[in-house]
Amino acid sequence: MKVKEAFKIKENTEIAKNTFKMVLDVDNLFKKGMKIGPGQFVNLYPKGTYLPRPISVGEVSKEKGTITLIYKVVGEGTRILSRLSKGHSIDTMLSLGTGYDLELKGNRPILIGGGSGLPPMIGLYKELVKLGAKPLVLLGFKHTTDVFGIDNFDKNDLYLSIEGPNEPKSDENTDFTCKTKAMLKENIFFEALPHEVLKKLEESGVIKDITGFAICGPEAMIKACGAYLSEIGIKGEVSLEARLGCGFGACAGCAIPCKTEDGGRTMKGVCKAGPVFKFHEIIWE
């Protein structure tokens, strides 16, 4: 079910440096039977811009009739979005793309989100918990000012990878430096990349019972973490980021090389066949 219409904004607030949380009221579509899940995305159409802005779906609440989108201000389009207030409406197309397969993850999956790849992990985590799973979560950020969304996860199963140093600057995120450090303690790894933290977790036995993985974030992180987990016998899915034109498969501008079942090669669109793919089906170049 693909729909384009204007939806009212219930919330649009800054939750970290240049990172905003937008909540849209889509209750009328839920009542019509629309389904949207973790890994899928929507197209937002800021006024005065030509192309839509694809934003990953974070949390989905049929009870509240809302979907939550988390986006980073990186250009004029997202800057326009950040200026919209509660009560405004935004032209939106949804639901787009292919999301995560919840049945592939098992009862103890590891979810890895890096930067703007974190939002899909929030919705995926909550859906897996509803099914009785107990996910392990690893989130990667460049700096402490970039940290957001950690209160959506069980702190006992949450690990943070921070590229930057431990010592905060004067303008650092005080919520992180105080509350987060106290909450996670030894589960924070500074000056470390997610795949490096994975190795530490394997050496300490933390991921010995992992049944599958889901990753979303920068391509380099996806490749490094996916390759490491695959080498130790764990299978999973990844959500790719790509420059999208139309967002629904008409322009073929986001096609990537993938393996076929007979060992051949084919091209698949990130916006339609993805953005979620099995890690082993992608031809990494």
C-alpha atoms as a PDB file:
ATOM      1  CA  MET A   1       0.000   0.000   0.000  1.00  0.00           C
ATOM      2  CA  LYS A   2       1.588   3.245  -1.196  1.00  0.00           C
ATOM      3  CA  VAL A   3      -0.061   6.565  -0.340  1.00  0.00           C
ATOM      4  CA  LYS A   4       0.904  10.209  -0.791  1.00  0.00           C
ATOM      5  CA  GLU A   5      -0.883  12.869   1.214  1.00  0.00           C
ATOM      6  CA  ALA A   6      -0.330  15.590   3.799  1.00  0.00           C
ATOM      7  CA  PHE A   7       0.017  14.377   7.396  1.00  0.00           C
ATOM      8  CA  LYS A   8      -0.079  16.509  10.504  1.00  0.00           C
ATOM      9  CA  ILE A   9       3.053  16.856  12.615  1.00  0.00           C
ATOM     10  CA  LYS A  10       2.528  16.005  16.283  1.00  0.00           C
ATOM     11  CA  GLU A  11       6.142  16.651  17.291  1.00  0.00           C
ATOM     12  CA  ASN A  12       9.319  17.972  15.661  1.00  0.00           C
ATOM     13  CA  THR A  13      12.056  18.532  18.229  1.00  0.00           C
ATOM     14  CA  GLU A  14      15.857  18.525  18.302  1.00  0.00           C
ATOM     15  CA  ILE A  15      17.053  15.502  20.293  1.00  0.00           C
ATOM     16  CA  ALA A  16      20.806  15.769  19.628  1.00  0.00           C
ATOM     17  CA  LYS A  17      23.126  18.092  17.737  1.00  0.00           C
ATOM     18  CA  ASN A  18      21.399  18.743  14.361  1.00  0.00           C
ATOM     19  CA  THR A  19      19.253  15.630  14.885  1.00  0.00           C
ATOM     20  CA  PHE A  20      15.468  15.931  14.975  1.00  0.00           C
ATOM     21  CA  LYS A  21      12.582  13.676  15.914  1.00  0.00           C
ATOM     22  CA  MET A  22       9.385  14.094  13.904  1.00  0.00           C
ATOM     23  CA  VAL A  23       6.155  12.322  14.827  1.00  0.00           C
ATOM     24  CA  LEU A  24       3.426  12.141  12.177  1.00  0.00           C
ATOM     25  CA  ASP A  25      -0.258  11.415  12.712  1.00  0.00           C
ATOM     26  CA  VAL A  26      -1.138   8.620  10.256  1.00  0.00           C
ATOM     27  CA  ASP A  27      -4.009   7.107  12.217  1.00  0.00           C
ATOM     28  CA  ASN A  28      -6.382   7.297   9.248  1.00  0.00           C
ATOM     29  CA  LEU A  29      -4.086   5.014   7.251  1.00  0.00           C
ATOM     30  CA  PHE A  30      -3.768   2.473  10.052  1.00  0.00           C
ATOM     31  CA  LYS A  31      -7.561   2.331  10.170  1.00  0.00           C
ATOM     32  CA  LYS A  32      -7.517   1.521   6.453  1.00  0.00           C
ATOM     33  CA  GLY A  33      -5.138  -1.382   7.044  1.00  0.00           C
ATOM     34  CA  MET A  34      -1.811   0.171   6.058  1.00  0.00           C
ATOM     35  CA  LYS A  35       1.220  -1.789   7.198  1.00  0.00           C
ATOM     36  CA  ILE A  36       4.644  -0.273   7.760  1.00  0.00           C
ATOM     37  CA  GLY A  37       7.541  -1.819   9.615  1.00  0.00           C
ATOM     38  CA  PRO A  38      11.179  -1.495  10.638  1.00  0.00           C
ATOM     39  CA  GLY A  39      13.527  -0.936   7.715  1.00  0.00           C
ATOM     40  CA  GLN A  40      10.961   0.745   5.489  1.00  0.00           C
ATOM     41  CA  PHE A  41      11.031   4.471   4.785  1.00  0.00           C
ATOM     42  CA  VAL A  42       8.886   7.446   3.781  1.00  0.00           C
ATOM     43  CA  ASN A  43       9.436  10.268   1.316  1.00  0.00           C
ATOM     44  CA  LEU A  44       8.992  13.759   2.764  1.00  0.00           C
ATOM     45  CA  TYR A  45       8.411  16.654   0.369  1.00  0.00           C
ATOM     46  CA  PRO A  46       9.678  19.960   1.840  1.00  0.00           C
ATOM     47  CA  LYS A  47       8.114  22.983   0.155  1.00  0.00           C
ATOM     48  CA  GLY A  48      10.401  24.710  -2.305  1.00  0.00           C
ATOM     49  CA  THR A  49      12.491  21.618  -3.102  1.00  0.00           C
ATOM     50  CA  TYR A  50      12.455  19.417  -6.193  1.00  0.00           C
ATOM     51  CA  LEU A  51      13.279  15.942  -4.891  1.00  0.00           C
ATOM     52  CA  PRO A  52      11.782  14.224  -1.821  1.00  0.00           C
ATOM     53  CA  ARG A  53      13.808  13.433   1.284  1.00  0.00           C
ATOM     54  CA  PRO A  54      13.746   9.695   2.112  1.00  0.00           C
ATOM     55  CA  ILE A  55      13.654   9.162   5.878  1.00  0.00           C
ATOM     56  CA  SER A  56      13.825   5.779   7.642  1.00  0.00           C
ATOM     57  CA  VAL A  57      10.902   4.844   9.824  1.00  0.00           C
ATOM     58  CA  GLY A  58      11.799   4.637  13.491  1.00  0.00           C
ATOM     59  CA  GLU A  59       8.999   3.642  15.816  1.00  0.00           C
ATOM     60  CA  VAL A  60       5.512   2.658  14.641  1.00  0.00           C
ATOM     61  CA  SER A  61       2.618   2.966  17.109  1.00  0.00           C
ATOM     62  CA  LYS A  62      -0.749   1.772  15.880  1.00  0.00           C
ATOM     63  CA  GLU A  63      -2.134   2.471  19.349  1.00  0.00           C
ATOM     64  CA  LYS A  64      -1.243   6.170  19.052  1.00  0.00           C
ATOM     65  CA  GLY A  65      -1.762   6.264  15.306  1.00  0.00           C
ATOM     66  CA  THR A  66       1.731   7.627  14.706  1.00  0.00           C
ATOM     67  CA  ILE A  67       5.063   6.945  13.067  1.00  0.00           C
ATOM     68  CA  THR A  68       8.315   8.436  14.325  1.00  0.00           C
ATOM     69  CA  LEU A  69      11.016   9.692  11.977  1.00  0.00           C
ATOM     70  CA  ILE A  70      14.487  10.735  13.102  1.00  0.00           C
ATOM     71  CA  TYR A  71      16.598  12.763  10.691  1.00  0.00           C
ATOM     72  CA  LYS A  72      19.798  14.781  10.644  1.00  0.00           C
ATOM     73  CA  VAL A  73      20.001  18.283   9.171  1.00  0.00           C
ATOM     74  CA  VAL A  74      22.527  17.994   6.340  1.00  0.00           C
ATOM     75  CA  GLY A  75      21.196  20.356   3.655  1.00  0.00           C
ATOM     76  CA  GLU A  76      18.485  22.800   2.714  1.00  0.00           C
ATOM     77  CA  GLY A  77      15.727  20.189   2.487  1.00  0.00           C
ATOM     78  CA  THR A  78      16.220  18.807   5.975  1.00  0.00           C
ATOM     79  CA  ARG A  79      16.782  22.354   7.252  1.00  0.00           C
ATOM     80  CA  ILE A  80      13.299  23.237   5.993  1.00  0.00           C
ATOM     81  CA  LEU A  81      11.920  20.145   7.727  1.00  0.00           C
ATOM     82  CA  SER A  82      13.551  21.128  11.016  1.00  0.00           C
ATOM     83  CA  ARG A  83      11.720  24.472  10.996  1.00  0.00           C
ATOM     84  CA  LEU A  84       8.270  22.897  10.832  1.00  0.00           C
ATOM     85  CA  SER A  85       6.275  23.091  14.050  1.00  0.00           C
ATOM     86  CA  LYS A  86       3.664  20.940  15.746  1.00  0.00           C
ATOM     87  CA  GLY A  87       0.376  21.310  13.901  1.00  0.00           C
ATOM     88  CA  HIS A  88       1.931  21.898  10.481  1.00  0.00           C
ATOM     89  CA  SER A  89       1.387  19.328   7.735  1.00  0.00           C
ATOM     90  CA  ILE A  90       4.002  17.770   5.467  1.00  0.00           C
ATOM     91  CA  ASP A  91       3.414  16.003   2.139  1.00  0.00           C
ATOM     92  CA  THR A  92       4.500  12.397   2.653  1.00  0.00           C
ATOM     93  CA  MET A  93       4.610   9.203   0.613  1.00  0.00           C
ATOM     94  CA  LEU A  94       4.498   5.902   2.473  1.00  0.00           C
ATOM     95  CA  SER A  95       5.064   3.042   2.993  1.00  0.00           C
ATOM     96  CA  LEU A  96       8.117   2.497   0.816  1.00  0.00           C
ATOM     97  CA  GLY A  97      10.786  -0.156   0.496  1.00  0.00           C
ATOM     98  CA  THR A  98      11.285  -3.634   1.909  1.00  0.00           C
ATOM     99  CA  GLY A  99      11.912  -3.891   5.644  1.00  0.00           C
ATOM    100  CA  TYR A 100      13.508  -6.391   8.002  1.00  0.00           C
ATOM    101  CA  ASP A 101      12.265  -9.980   8.180  1.00  0.00           C
ATOM    102  CA  LEU A 102      11.485 -10.452  11.869  1.00  0.00           C
ATOM    103  CA  GLU A 103      11.498 -14.247  11.575  1.00  0.00           C
ATOM    104  CA  LEU A 104      15.158 -14.368  10.501  1.00  0.00           C
ATOM    105  CA  LYS A 105      16.568 -12.913  13.694  1.00  0.00           C
ATOM    106  CA  GLY A 106      15.978 -15.692  16.250  1.00  0.00           C
ATOM    107  CA  ASN A 107      15.606 -15.100  19.978  1.00  0.00           C
ATOM    108  CA  ARG A 108      18.980 -13.400  20.575  1.00  0.00           C
ATOM    109  CA  PRO A 109      19.876 -11.169  17.619  1.00  0.00           C
ATOM    110  CA  ILE A 110      22.355  -8.313  17.653  1.00  0.00           C
ATOM    111  CA  LEU A 111      21.172  -4.990  16.248  1.00  0.00           C
ATOM    112  CA  ILE A 112      23.847  -2.535  15.111  1.00  0.00           C
ATOM    113  CA  GLY A 113      23.033   1.072  14.263  1.00  0.00           C
ATOM    114  CA  GLY A 114      25.507   3.761  13.295  1.00  0.00           C
ATOM    115  CA  GLY A 115      24.577   7.457  13.396  1.00  0.00           C
ATOM    116  CA  SER A 116      21.532   8.074  11.208  1.00  0.00           C
ATOM    117  CA  GLY A 117      21.222   4.288  10.897  1.00  0.00           C
ATOM    118  CA  LEU A 118      20.017   4.091  14.491  1.00  0.00           C
ATOM    119  CA  PRO A 119      16.287   4.956  13.990  1.00  0.00           C
ATOM    120  CA  PRO A 120      15.307   1.685  12.233  1.00  0.00           C
ATOM    121  CA  MET A 121      16.898  -0.225  15.127  1.00  0.00           C
ATOM    122  CA  ILE A 122      14.455   1.398  17.576  1.00  0.00           C
ATOM    123  CA  GLY A 123      11.407   0.052  15.774  1.00  0.00           C
ATOM    124  CA  LEU A 124      13.041  -3.300  15.042  1.00  0.00           C
ATOM    125  CA  TYR A 125      14.086  -3.717  18.665  1.00  0.00           C
ATOM    126  CA  LYS A 126      10.571  -3.087  19.951  1.00  0.00           C
ATOM    127  CA  GLU A 127       8.963  -5.423  17.433  1.00  0.00           C
ATOM    128  CA  LEU A 128      11.416  -8.226  18.267  1.00  0.00           C
ATOM    129  CA  VAL A 129      10.806  -7.767  22.003  1.00  0.00           C
ATOM    130  CA  LYS A 130       7.059  -8.135  21.362  1.00  0.00           C
ATOM    131  CA  LEU A 131       7.836 -11.501  19.747  1.00  0.00           C
ATOM    132  CA  GLY A 132       9.739 -12.638  22.842  1.00  0.00           C
ATOM    133  CA  ALA A 133      13.287 -12.020  21.591  1.00  0.00           C
ATOM    134  CA  LYS A 134      16.030 -10.482  23.721  1.00  0.00           C
ATOM    135  CA  PRO A 135      18.145  -8.410  21.327  1.00  0.00           C
ATOM    136  CA  LEU A 136      21.660  -7.200  22.020  1.00  0.00           C
ATOM    137  CA  VAL A 137      22.229  -3.648  20.748  1.00  0.00           C
ATOM    138  CA  LEU A 138      25.408  -1.905  19.606  1.00  0.00           C
ATOM    139  CA  LEU A 139      25.153   1.764  18.618  1.00  0.00           C
ATOM    140  CA  GLY A 140      27.960   3.742  17.024  1.00  0.00           C
ATOM    141  CA  PHE A 141      28.453   7.523  17.103  1.00  0.00           C
ATOM    142  CA  LYS A 142      31.239   9.880  16.045  1.00  0.00           C
ATOM    143  CA  HIS A 143      30.997  12.157  19.085  1.00  0.00           C
ATOM    144  CA  THR A 144      29.118  12.291  22.366  1.00  0.00           C
ATOM    145  CA  THR A 145      27.074  15.214  21.000  1.00  0.00           C
ATOM    146  CA  ASP A 146      25.640  12.826  18.404  1.00  0.00           C
ATOM    147  CA  VAL A 147      24.196  10.366  20.931  1.00  0.00           C
ATOM    148  CA  PHE A 148      20.410   9.966  20.933  1.00  0.00           C
ATOM    149  CA  GLY A 149      17.714   7.331  21.338  1.00  0.00           C
ATOM    150  CA  ILE A 150      19.463   5.140  23.894  1.00  0.00           C
ATOM    151  CA  ASP A 151      16.513   5.224  26.291  1.00  0.00           C
ATOM    152  CA  ASN A 152      14.597   3.001  23.846  1.00  0.00           C
ATOM    153  CA  PHE A 153      16.735  -0.027  24.742  1.00  0.00           C
ATOM    154  CA  ASP A 154      17.364  -2.203  27.791  1.00  0.00           C
ATOM    155  CA  LYS A 155      20.560  -0.794  29.314  1.00  0.00           C
ATOM    156  CA  ASN A 156      21.733  -4.305  30.270  1.00  0.00           C
ATOM    157  CA  ASP A 157      21.946  -5.284  26.605  1.00  0.00           C
ATOM    158  CA  LEU A 158      23.160  -1.943  25.202  1.00  0.00           C
ATOM    159  CA  TYR A 159      26.713  -1.061  24.131  1.00  0.00           C
ATOM    160  CA  LEU A 160      27.990   2.222  22.702  1.00  0.00           C
ATOM    161  CA  SER A 161      30.902   2.788  20.344  1.00  0.00           C
ATOM    162  CA  ILE A 162      32.151   6.394  20.326  1.00  0.00           C
ATOM    163  CA  GLU A 163      34.757   7.358  17.727  1.00  0.00           C
ATOM    164  CA  GLY A 164      35.781  10.388  19.733  1.00  0.00           C
ATOM    165  CA  PRO A 165      37.643  10.594  23.060  1.00  0.00           C
ATOM    166  CA  ASN A 166      36.295  10.140  26.571  1.00  0.00           C
ATOM    167  CA  GLU A 167      36.983  13.693  27.741  1.00  0.00           C
ATOM    168  CA  PRO A 168      34.021  15.903  26.721  1.00  0.00           C
ATOM    169  CA  LYS A 169      34.435  19.434  25.431  1.00  0.00           C
ATOM    170  CA  SER A 170      32.612  22.311  27.075  1.00  0.00           C
ATOM    171  CA  ASP A 171      29.839  22.232  24.494  1.00  0.00           C
ATOM    172  CA  GLU A 172      29.328  18.459  24.594  1.00  0.00           C
ATOM    173  CA  ASN A 173      25.972  16.836  25.215  1.00  0.00           C
ATOM    174  CA  THR A 174      25.555  17.113  28.985  1.00  0.00           C
ATOM    175  CA  ASP A 175      22.772  14.530  28.966  1.00  0.00           C
ATOM    176  CA  PHE A 176      25.266  12.021  27.568  1.00  0.00           C
ATOM    177  CA  THR A 177      28.205  12.954  29.790  1.00  0.00           C
ATOM    178  CA  CYS A 178      26.183  12.655  32.979  1.00  0.00           C
ATOM    179  CA  LYS A 179      23.187  10.339  32.638  1.00  0.00           C
ATOM    180  CA  THR A 180      24.513   8.025  29.928  1.00  0.00           C
ATOM    181  CA  LYS A 181      27.890   7.389  31.500  1.00  0.00           C
ATOM    182  CA  ALA A 182      26.238   6.595  34.814  1.00  0.00           C
ATOM    183  CA  MET A 183      23.731   4.266  33.157  1.00  0.00           C
ATOM    184  CA  LEU A 184      26.045   2.281  30.875  1.00  0.00           C
ATOM    185  CA  LYS A 185      29.383   2.481  32.706  1.00  0.00           C
ATOM    186  CA  GLU A 186      31.704  -0.169  31.219  1.00  0.00           C
ATOM    187  CA  ASN A 187      29.405  -0.703  28.215  1.00  0.00           C
ATOM    188  CA  ILE A 188      30.777   2.442  26.518  1.00  0.00           C
ATOM    189  CA  PHE A 189      33.832   2.112  24.275  1.00  0.00           C
ATOM    190  CA  PHE A 190      35.611   5.359  23.396  1.00  0.00           C
ATOM    191  CA  GLU A 191      37.915   5.846  20.408  1.00  0.00           C
ATOM    192  CA  ALA A 192      36.557   2.636  18.921  1.00  0.00           C
ATOM    193  CA  LEU A 193      34.616   1.666  15.807  1.00  0.00           C
ATOM    194  CA  PRO A 194      31.645  -0.747  15.963  1.00  0.00           C
ATOM    195  CA  HIS A 195      33.496  -3.675  14.359  1.00  0.00           C
ATOM    196  CA  GLU A 196      36.292  -3.237  16.904  1.00  0.00           C
ATOM    197  CA  VAL A 197      33.760  -3.365  19.716  1.00  0.00           C
ATOM    198  CA  LEU A 198      32.266  -6.521  18.183  1.00  0.00           C
ATOM    199  CA  LYS A 199      35.646  -8.215  18.498  1.00  0.00           C
ATOM    200  CA  LYS A 200      35.865  -7.199  22.165  1.00  0.00           C
ATOM    201  CA  LEU A 201      32.351  -8.534  22.788  1.00  0.00           C
ATOM    202  CA  GLU A 202      33.218 -11.832  21.138  1.00  0.00           C
ATOM    203  CA  GLU A 203      36.413 -12.169  23.167  1.00  0.00           C
ATOM    204  CA  SER A 204      34.453 -11.572  26.377  1.00  0.00           C
ATOM    205  CA  GLY A 205      31.760 -14.080  25.409  1.00  0.00           C
ATOM    206  CA  VAL A 206      28.957 -11.513  25.136  1.00  0.00           C
ATOM    207  CA  ILE A 207      27.916 -12.507  21.598  1.00  0.00           C
ATOM    208  CA  LYS A 208      28.435 -16.272  21.865  1.00  0.00           C
ATOM    209  CA  ASP A 209      24.676 -16.969  21.758  1.00  0.00           C
ATOM    210  CA  ILE A 210      23.790 -14.510  18.980  1.00  0.00           C
ATOM    211  CA  THR A 211      21.237 -15.927  16.522  1.00  0.00           C
ATOM    212  CA  GLY A 212      21.282 -13.300  13.757  1.00  0.00           C
ATOM    213  CA  PHE A 213      22.052  -9.685  13.004  1.00  0.00           C
ATOM    214  CA  ALA A 214      20.571  -6.495  11.586  1.00  0.00           C
ATOM    215  CA  ILE A 215      22.760  -3.522  10.666  1.00  0.00           C
ATOM    216  CA  CYS A 216      22.027  -0.005   9.445  1.00  0.00           C
ATOM    217  CA  GLY A 217      24.479   2.858   9.016  1.00  0.00           C
ATOM    218  CA  PRO A 218      27.427   3.976   6.869  1.00  0.00           C
ATOM    219  CA  GLU A 219      28.523   1.477   4.219  1.00  0.00           C
ATOM    220  CA  ALA A 220      31.999   1.036   5.699  1.00  0.00           C
ATOM    221  CA  MET A 221      30.476   0.114   9.061  1.00  0.00           C
ATOM    222  CA  ILE A 222      27.982  -2.272   7.474  1.00  0.00           C
ATOM    223  CA  LYS A 223      30.719  -4.053   5.498  1.00  0.00           C
ATOM    224  CA  ALA A 224      33.092  -4.342   8.458  1.00  0.00           C
ATOM    225  CA  CYS A 225      30.487  -5.523  10.987  1.00  0.00           C
ATOM    226  CA  GLY A 226      28.670  -7.790   8.526  1.00  0.00           C
ATOM    227  CA  ALA A 227      31.896  -9.426   7.395  1.00  0.00           C
ATOM    228  CA  TYR A 228      33.054 -10.014  10.964  1.00  0.00           C
ATOM    229  CA  LEU A 229      29.755 -11.567  12.065  1.00  0.00           C
ATOM    230  CA  SER A 230      29.580 -13.678   8.898  1.00  0.00           C
ATOM    231  CA  GLU A 231      33.094 -15.010   9.541  1.00  0.00           C
ATOM    232  CA  ILE A 232      31.996 -16.334  12.931  1.00  0.00           C
ATOM    233  CA  GLY A 233      28.954 -18.023  11.395  1.00  0.00           C
ATOM    234  CA  ILE A 234      26.163 -15.518  12.036  1.00  0.00           C
ATOM    235  CA  LYS A 235      23.748 -14.588   9.244  1.00  0.00           C
ATOM    236  CA  GLY A 236      21.757 -11.405   8.958  1.00  0.00           C
ATOM    237  CA  GLU A 237      20.331  -8.466   7.081  1.00  0.00           C
ATOM    238  CA  VAL A 238      21.557  -4.934   6.429  1.00  0.00           C
ATOM    239  CA  SER A 239      19.818  -1.710   5.488  1.00  0.00           C
ATOM    240  CA  LEU A 240      21.656   0.343   2.881  1.00  0.00           C
ATOM    241  CA  GLU A 241      21.836   4.094   2.466  1.00  0.00           C
ATOM    242  CA  ALA A 242      21.749   5.406  -1.102  1.00  0.00           C
ATOM    243  CA  ARG A 243      20.946   8.554  -3.034  1.00  0.00           C
ATOM    244  CA  LEU A 244      17.337   8.063  -4.069  1.00  0.00           C
ATOM    245  CA  GLY A 245      15.576   9.865  -6.886  1.00  0.00           C
ATOM    246  CA  CYS A 246      11.943   8.802  -6.964  1.00  0.00           C
ATOM    247  CA  GLY A 247      12.047   6.468  -3.962  1.00  0.00           C
ATOM    248  CA  PHE A 248       9.719   3.832  -5.426  1.00  0.00           C
ATOM    249  CA  GLY A 249      11.582   2.106  -8.268  1.00  0.00           C
ATOM    250  CA  ALA A 250      10.706   4.217 -11.296  1.00  0.00           C
ATOM    251  CA  CYS A 251      14.065   5.871 -11.994  1.00  0.00           C
ATOM    252  CA  ALA A 252      16.484   2.960 -11.297  1.00  0.00           C
ATOM    253  CA  GLY A 253      18.995   5.469  -9.975  1.00  0.00           C
ATOM    254  CA  CYS A 254      19.778   3.552  -6.787  1.00  0.00           C
ATOM    255  CA  ALA A 255      20.495   0.079  -8.220  1.00  0.00           C
ATOM    256  CA  ILE A 256      23.257  -2.018  -6.634  1.00  0.00           C
ATOM    257  CA  PRO A 257      24.876  -5.319  -7.755  1.00  0.00           C
ATOM    258  CA  CYS A 258      23.554  -8.451  -6.057  1.00  0.00           C
ATOM    259  CA  LYS A 259      24.096 -12.180  -6.403  1.00  0.00           C
ATOM    260  CA  THR A 260      21.496 -14.436  -7.969  1.00  0.00           C
ATOM    261  CA  GLU A 261      20.649 -17.899  -6.607  1.00  0.00           C
ATOM    262  CA  ASP A 262      22.624 -19.564  -9.401  1.00  0.00           C
ATOM    263  CA  GLY A 263      25.742 -17.523  -8.657  1.00  0.00           C
ATOM    264  CA  GLY A 264      25.176 -14.862 -11.281  1.00  0.00           C
ATOM    265  CA  ARG A 265      24.869 -11.123 -10.971  1.00  0.00           C
ATOM    266  CA  THR A 266      21.861  -8.802 -11.132  1.00  0.00           C
ATOM    267  CA  MET A 267      20.991  -5.221 -10.239  1.00  0.00           C
ATOM    268  CA  LYS A 268      18.417  -4.404  -7.558  1.00  0.00           C
ATOM    269  CA  GLY A 269      17.014  -1.037  -6.522  1.00  0.00           C
ATOM    270  CA  VAL A 270      17.729   0.029  -2.953  1.00  0.00           C
ATOM    271  CA  CYS A 271      14.382   1.835  -2.795  1.00  0.00           C
ATOM    272  CA  LYS A 272      12.221  -1.159  -3.783  1.00  0.00           C
ATOM    273  CA  ALA A 273      14.060  -4.472  -3.368  1.00  0.00           C
ATOM    274  CA  GLY A 274      15.680  -2.847  -0.331  1.00  0.00           C
ATOM    275  CA  PRO A 275      16.740  -0.899   1.542  1.00  0.00           C
ATOM    276  CA  VAL A 276      17.021  -4.133   3.534  1.00  0.00           C
ATOM    277  CA  PHE A 277      19.014  -6.982   1.962  1.00  0.00           C
ATOM    278  CA  LYS A 278      20.565 -10.182   3.234  1.00  0.00           C
ATOM    279  CA  PHE A 279      24.229  -9.378   3.822  1.00  0.00           C
ATOM    280  CA  HIS A 280      25.478 -12.287   1.719  1.00  0.00           C
ATOM    281  CA  GLU A 281      23.362 -11.379  -1.331  1.00  0.00           C
ATOM    282  CA  ILE A 282      25.126  -8.044  -1.890  1.00  0.00           C
ATOM    283  CA  ILE A 283      28.181  -7.851  -4.146  1.00  0.00           C
ATOM    284  CA  TRP A 284      30.464  -5.531  -2.208  1.00  0.00           C
ATOM    285  CA  GLU A 285      32.680  -3.503  -4.529  1.00  0.00           C
END
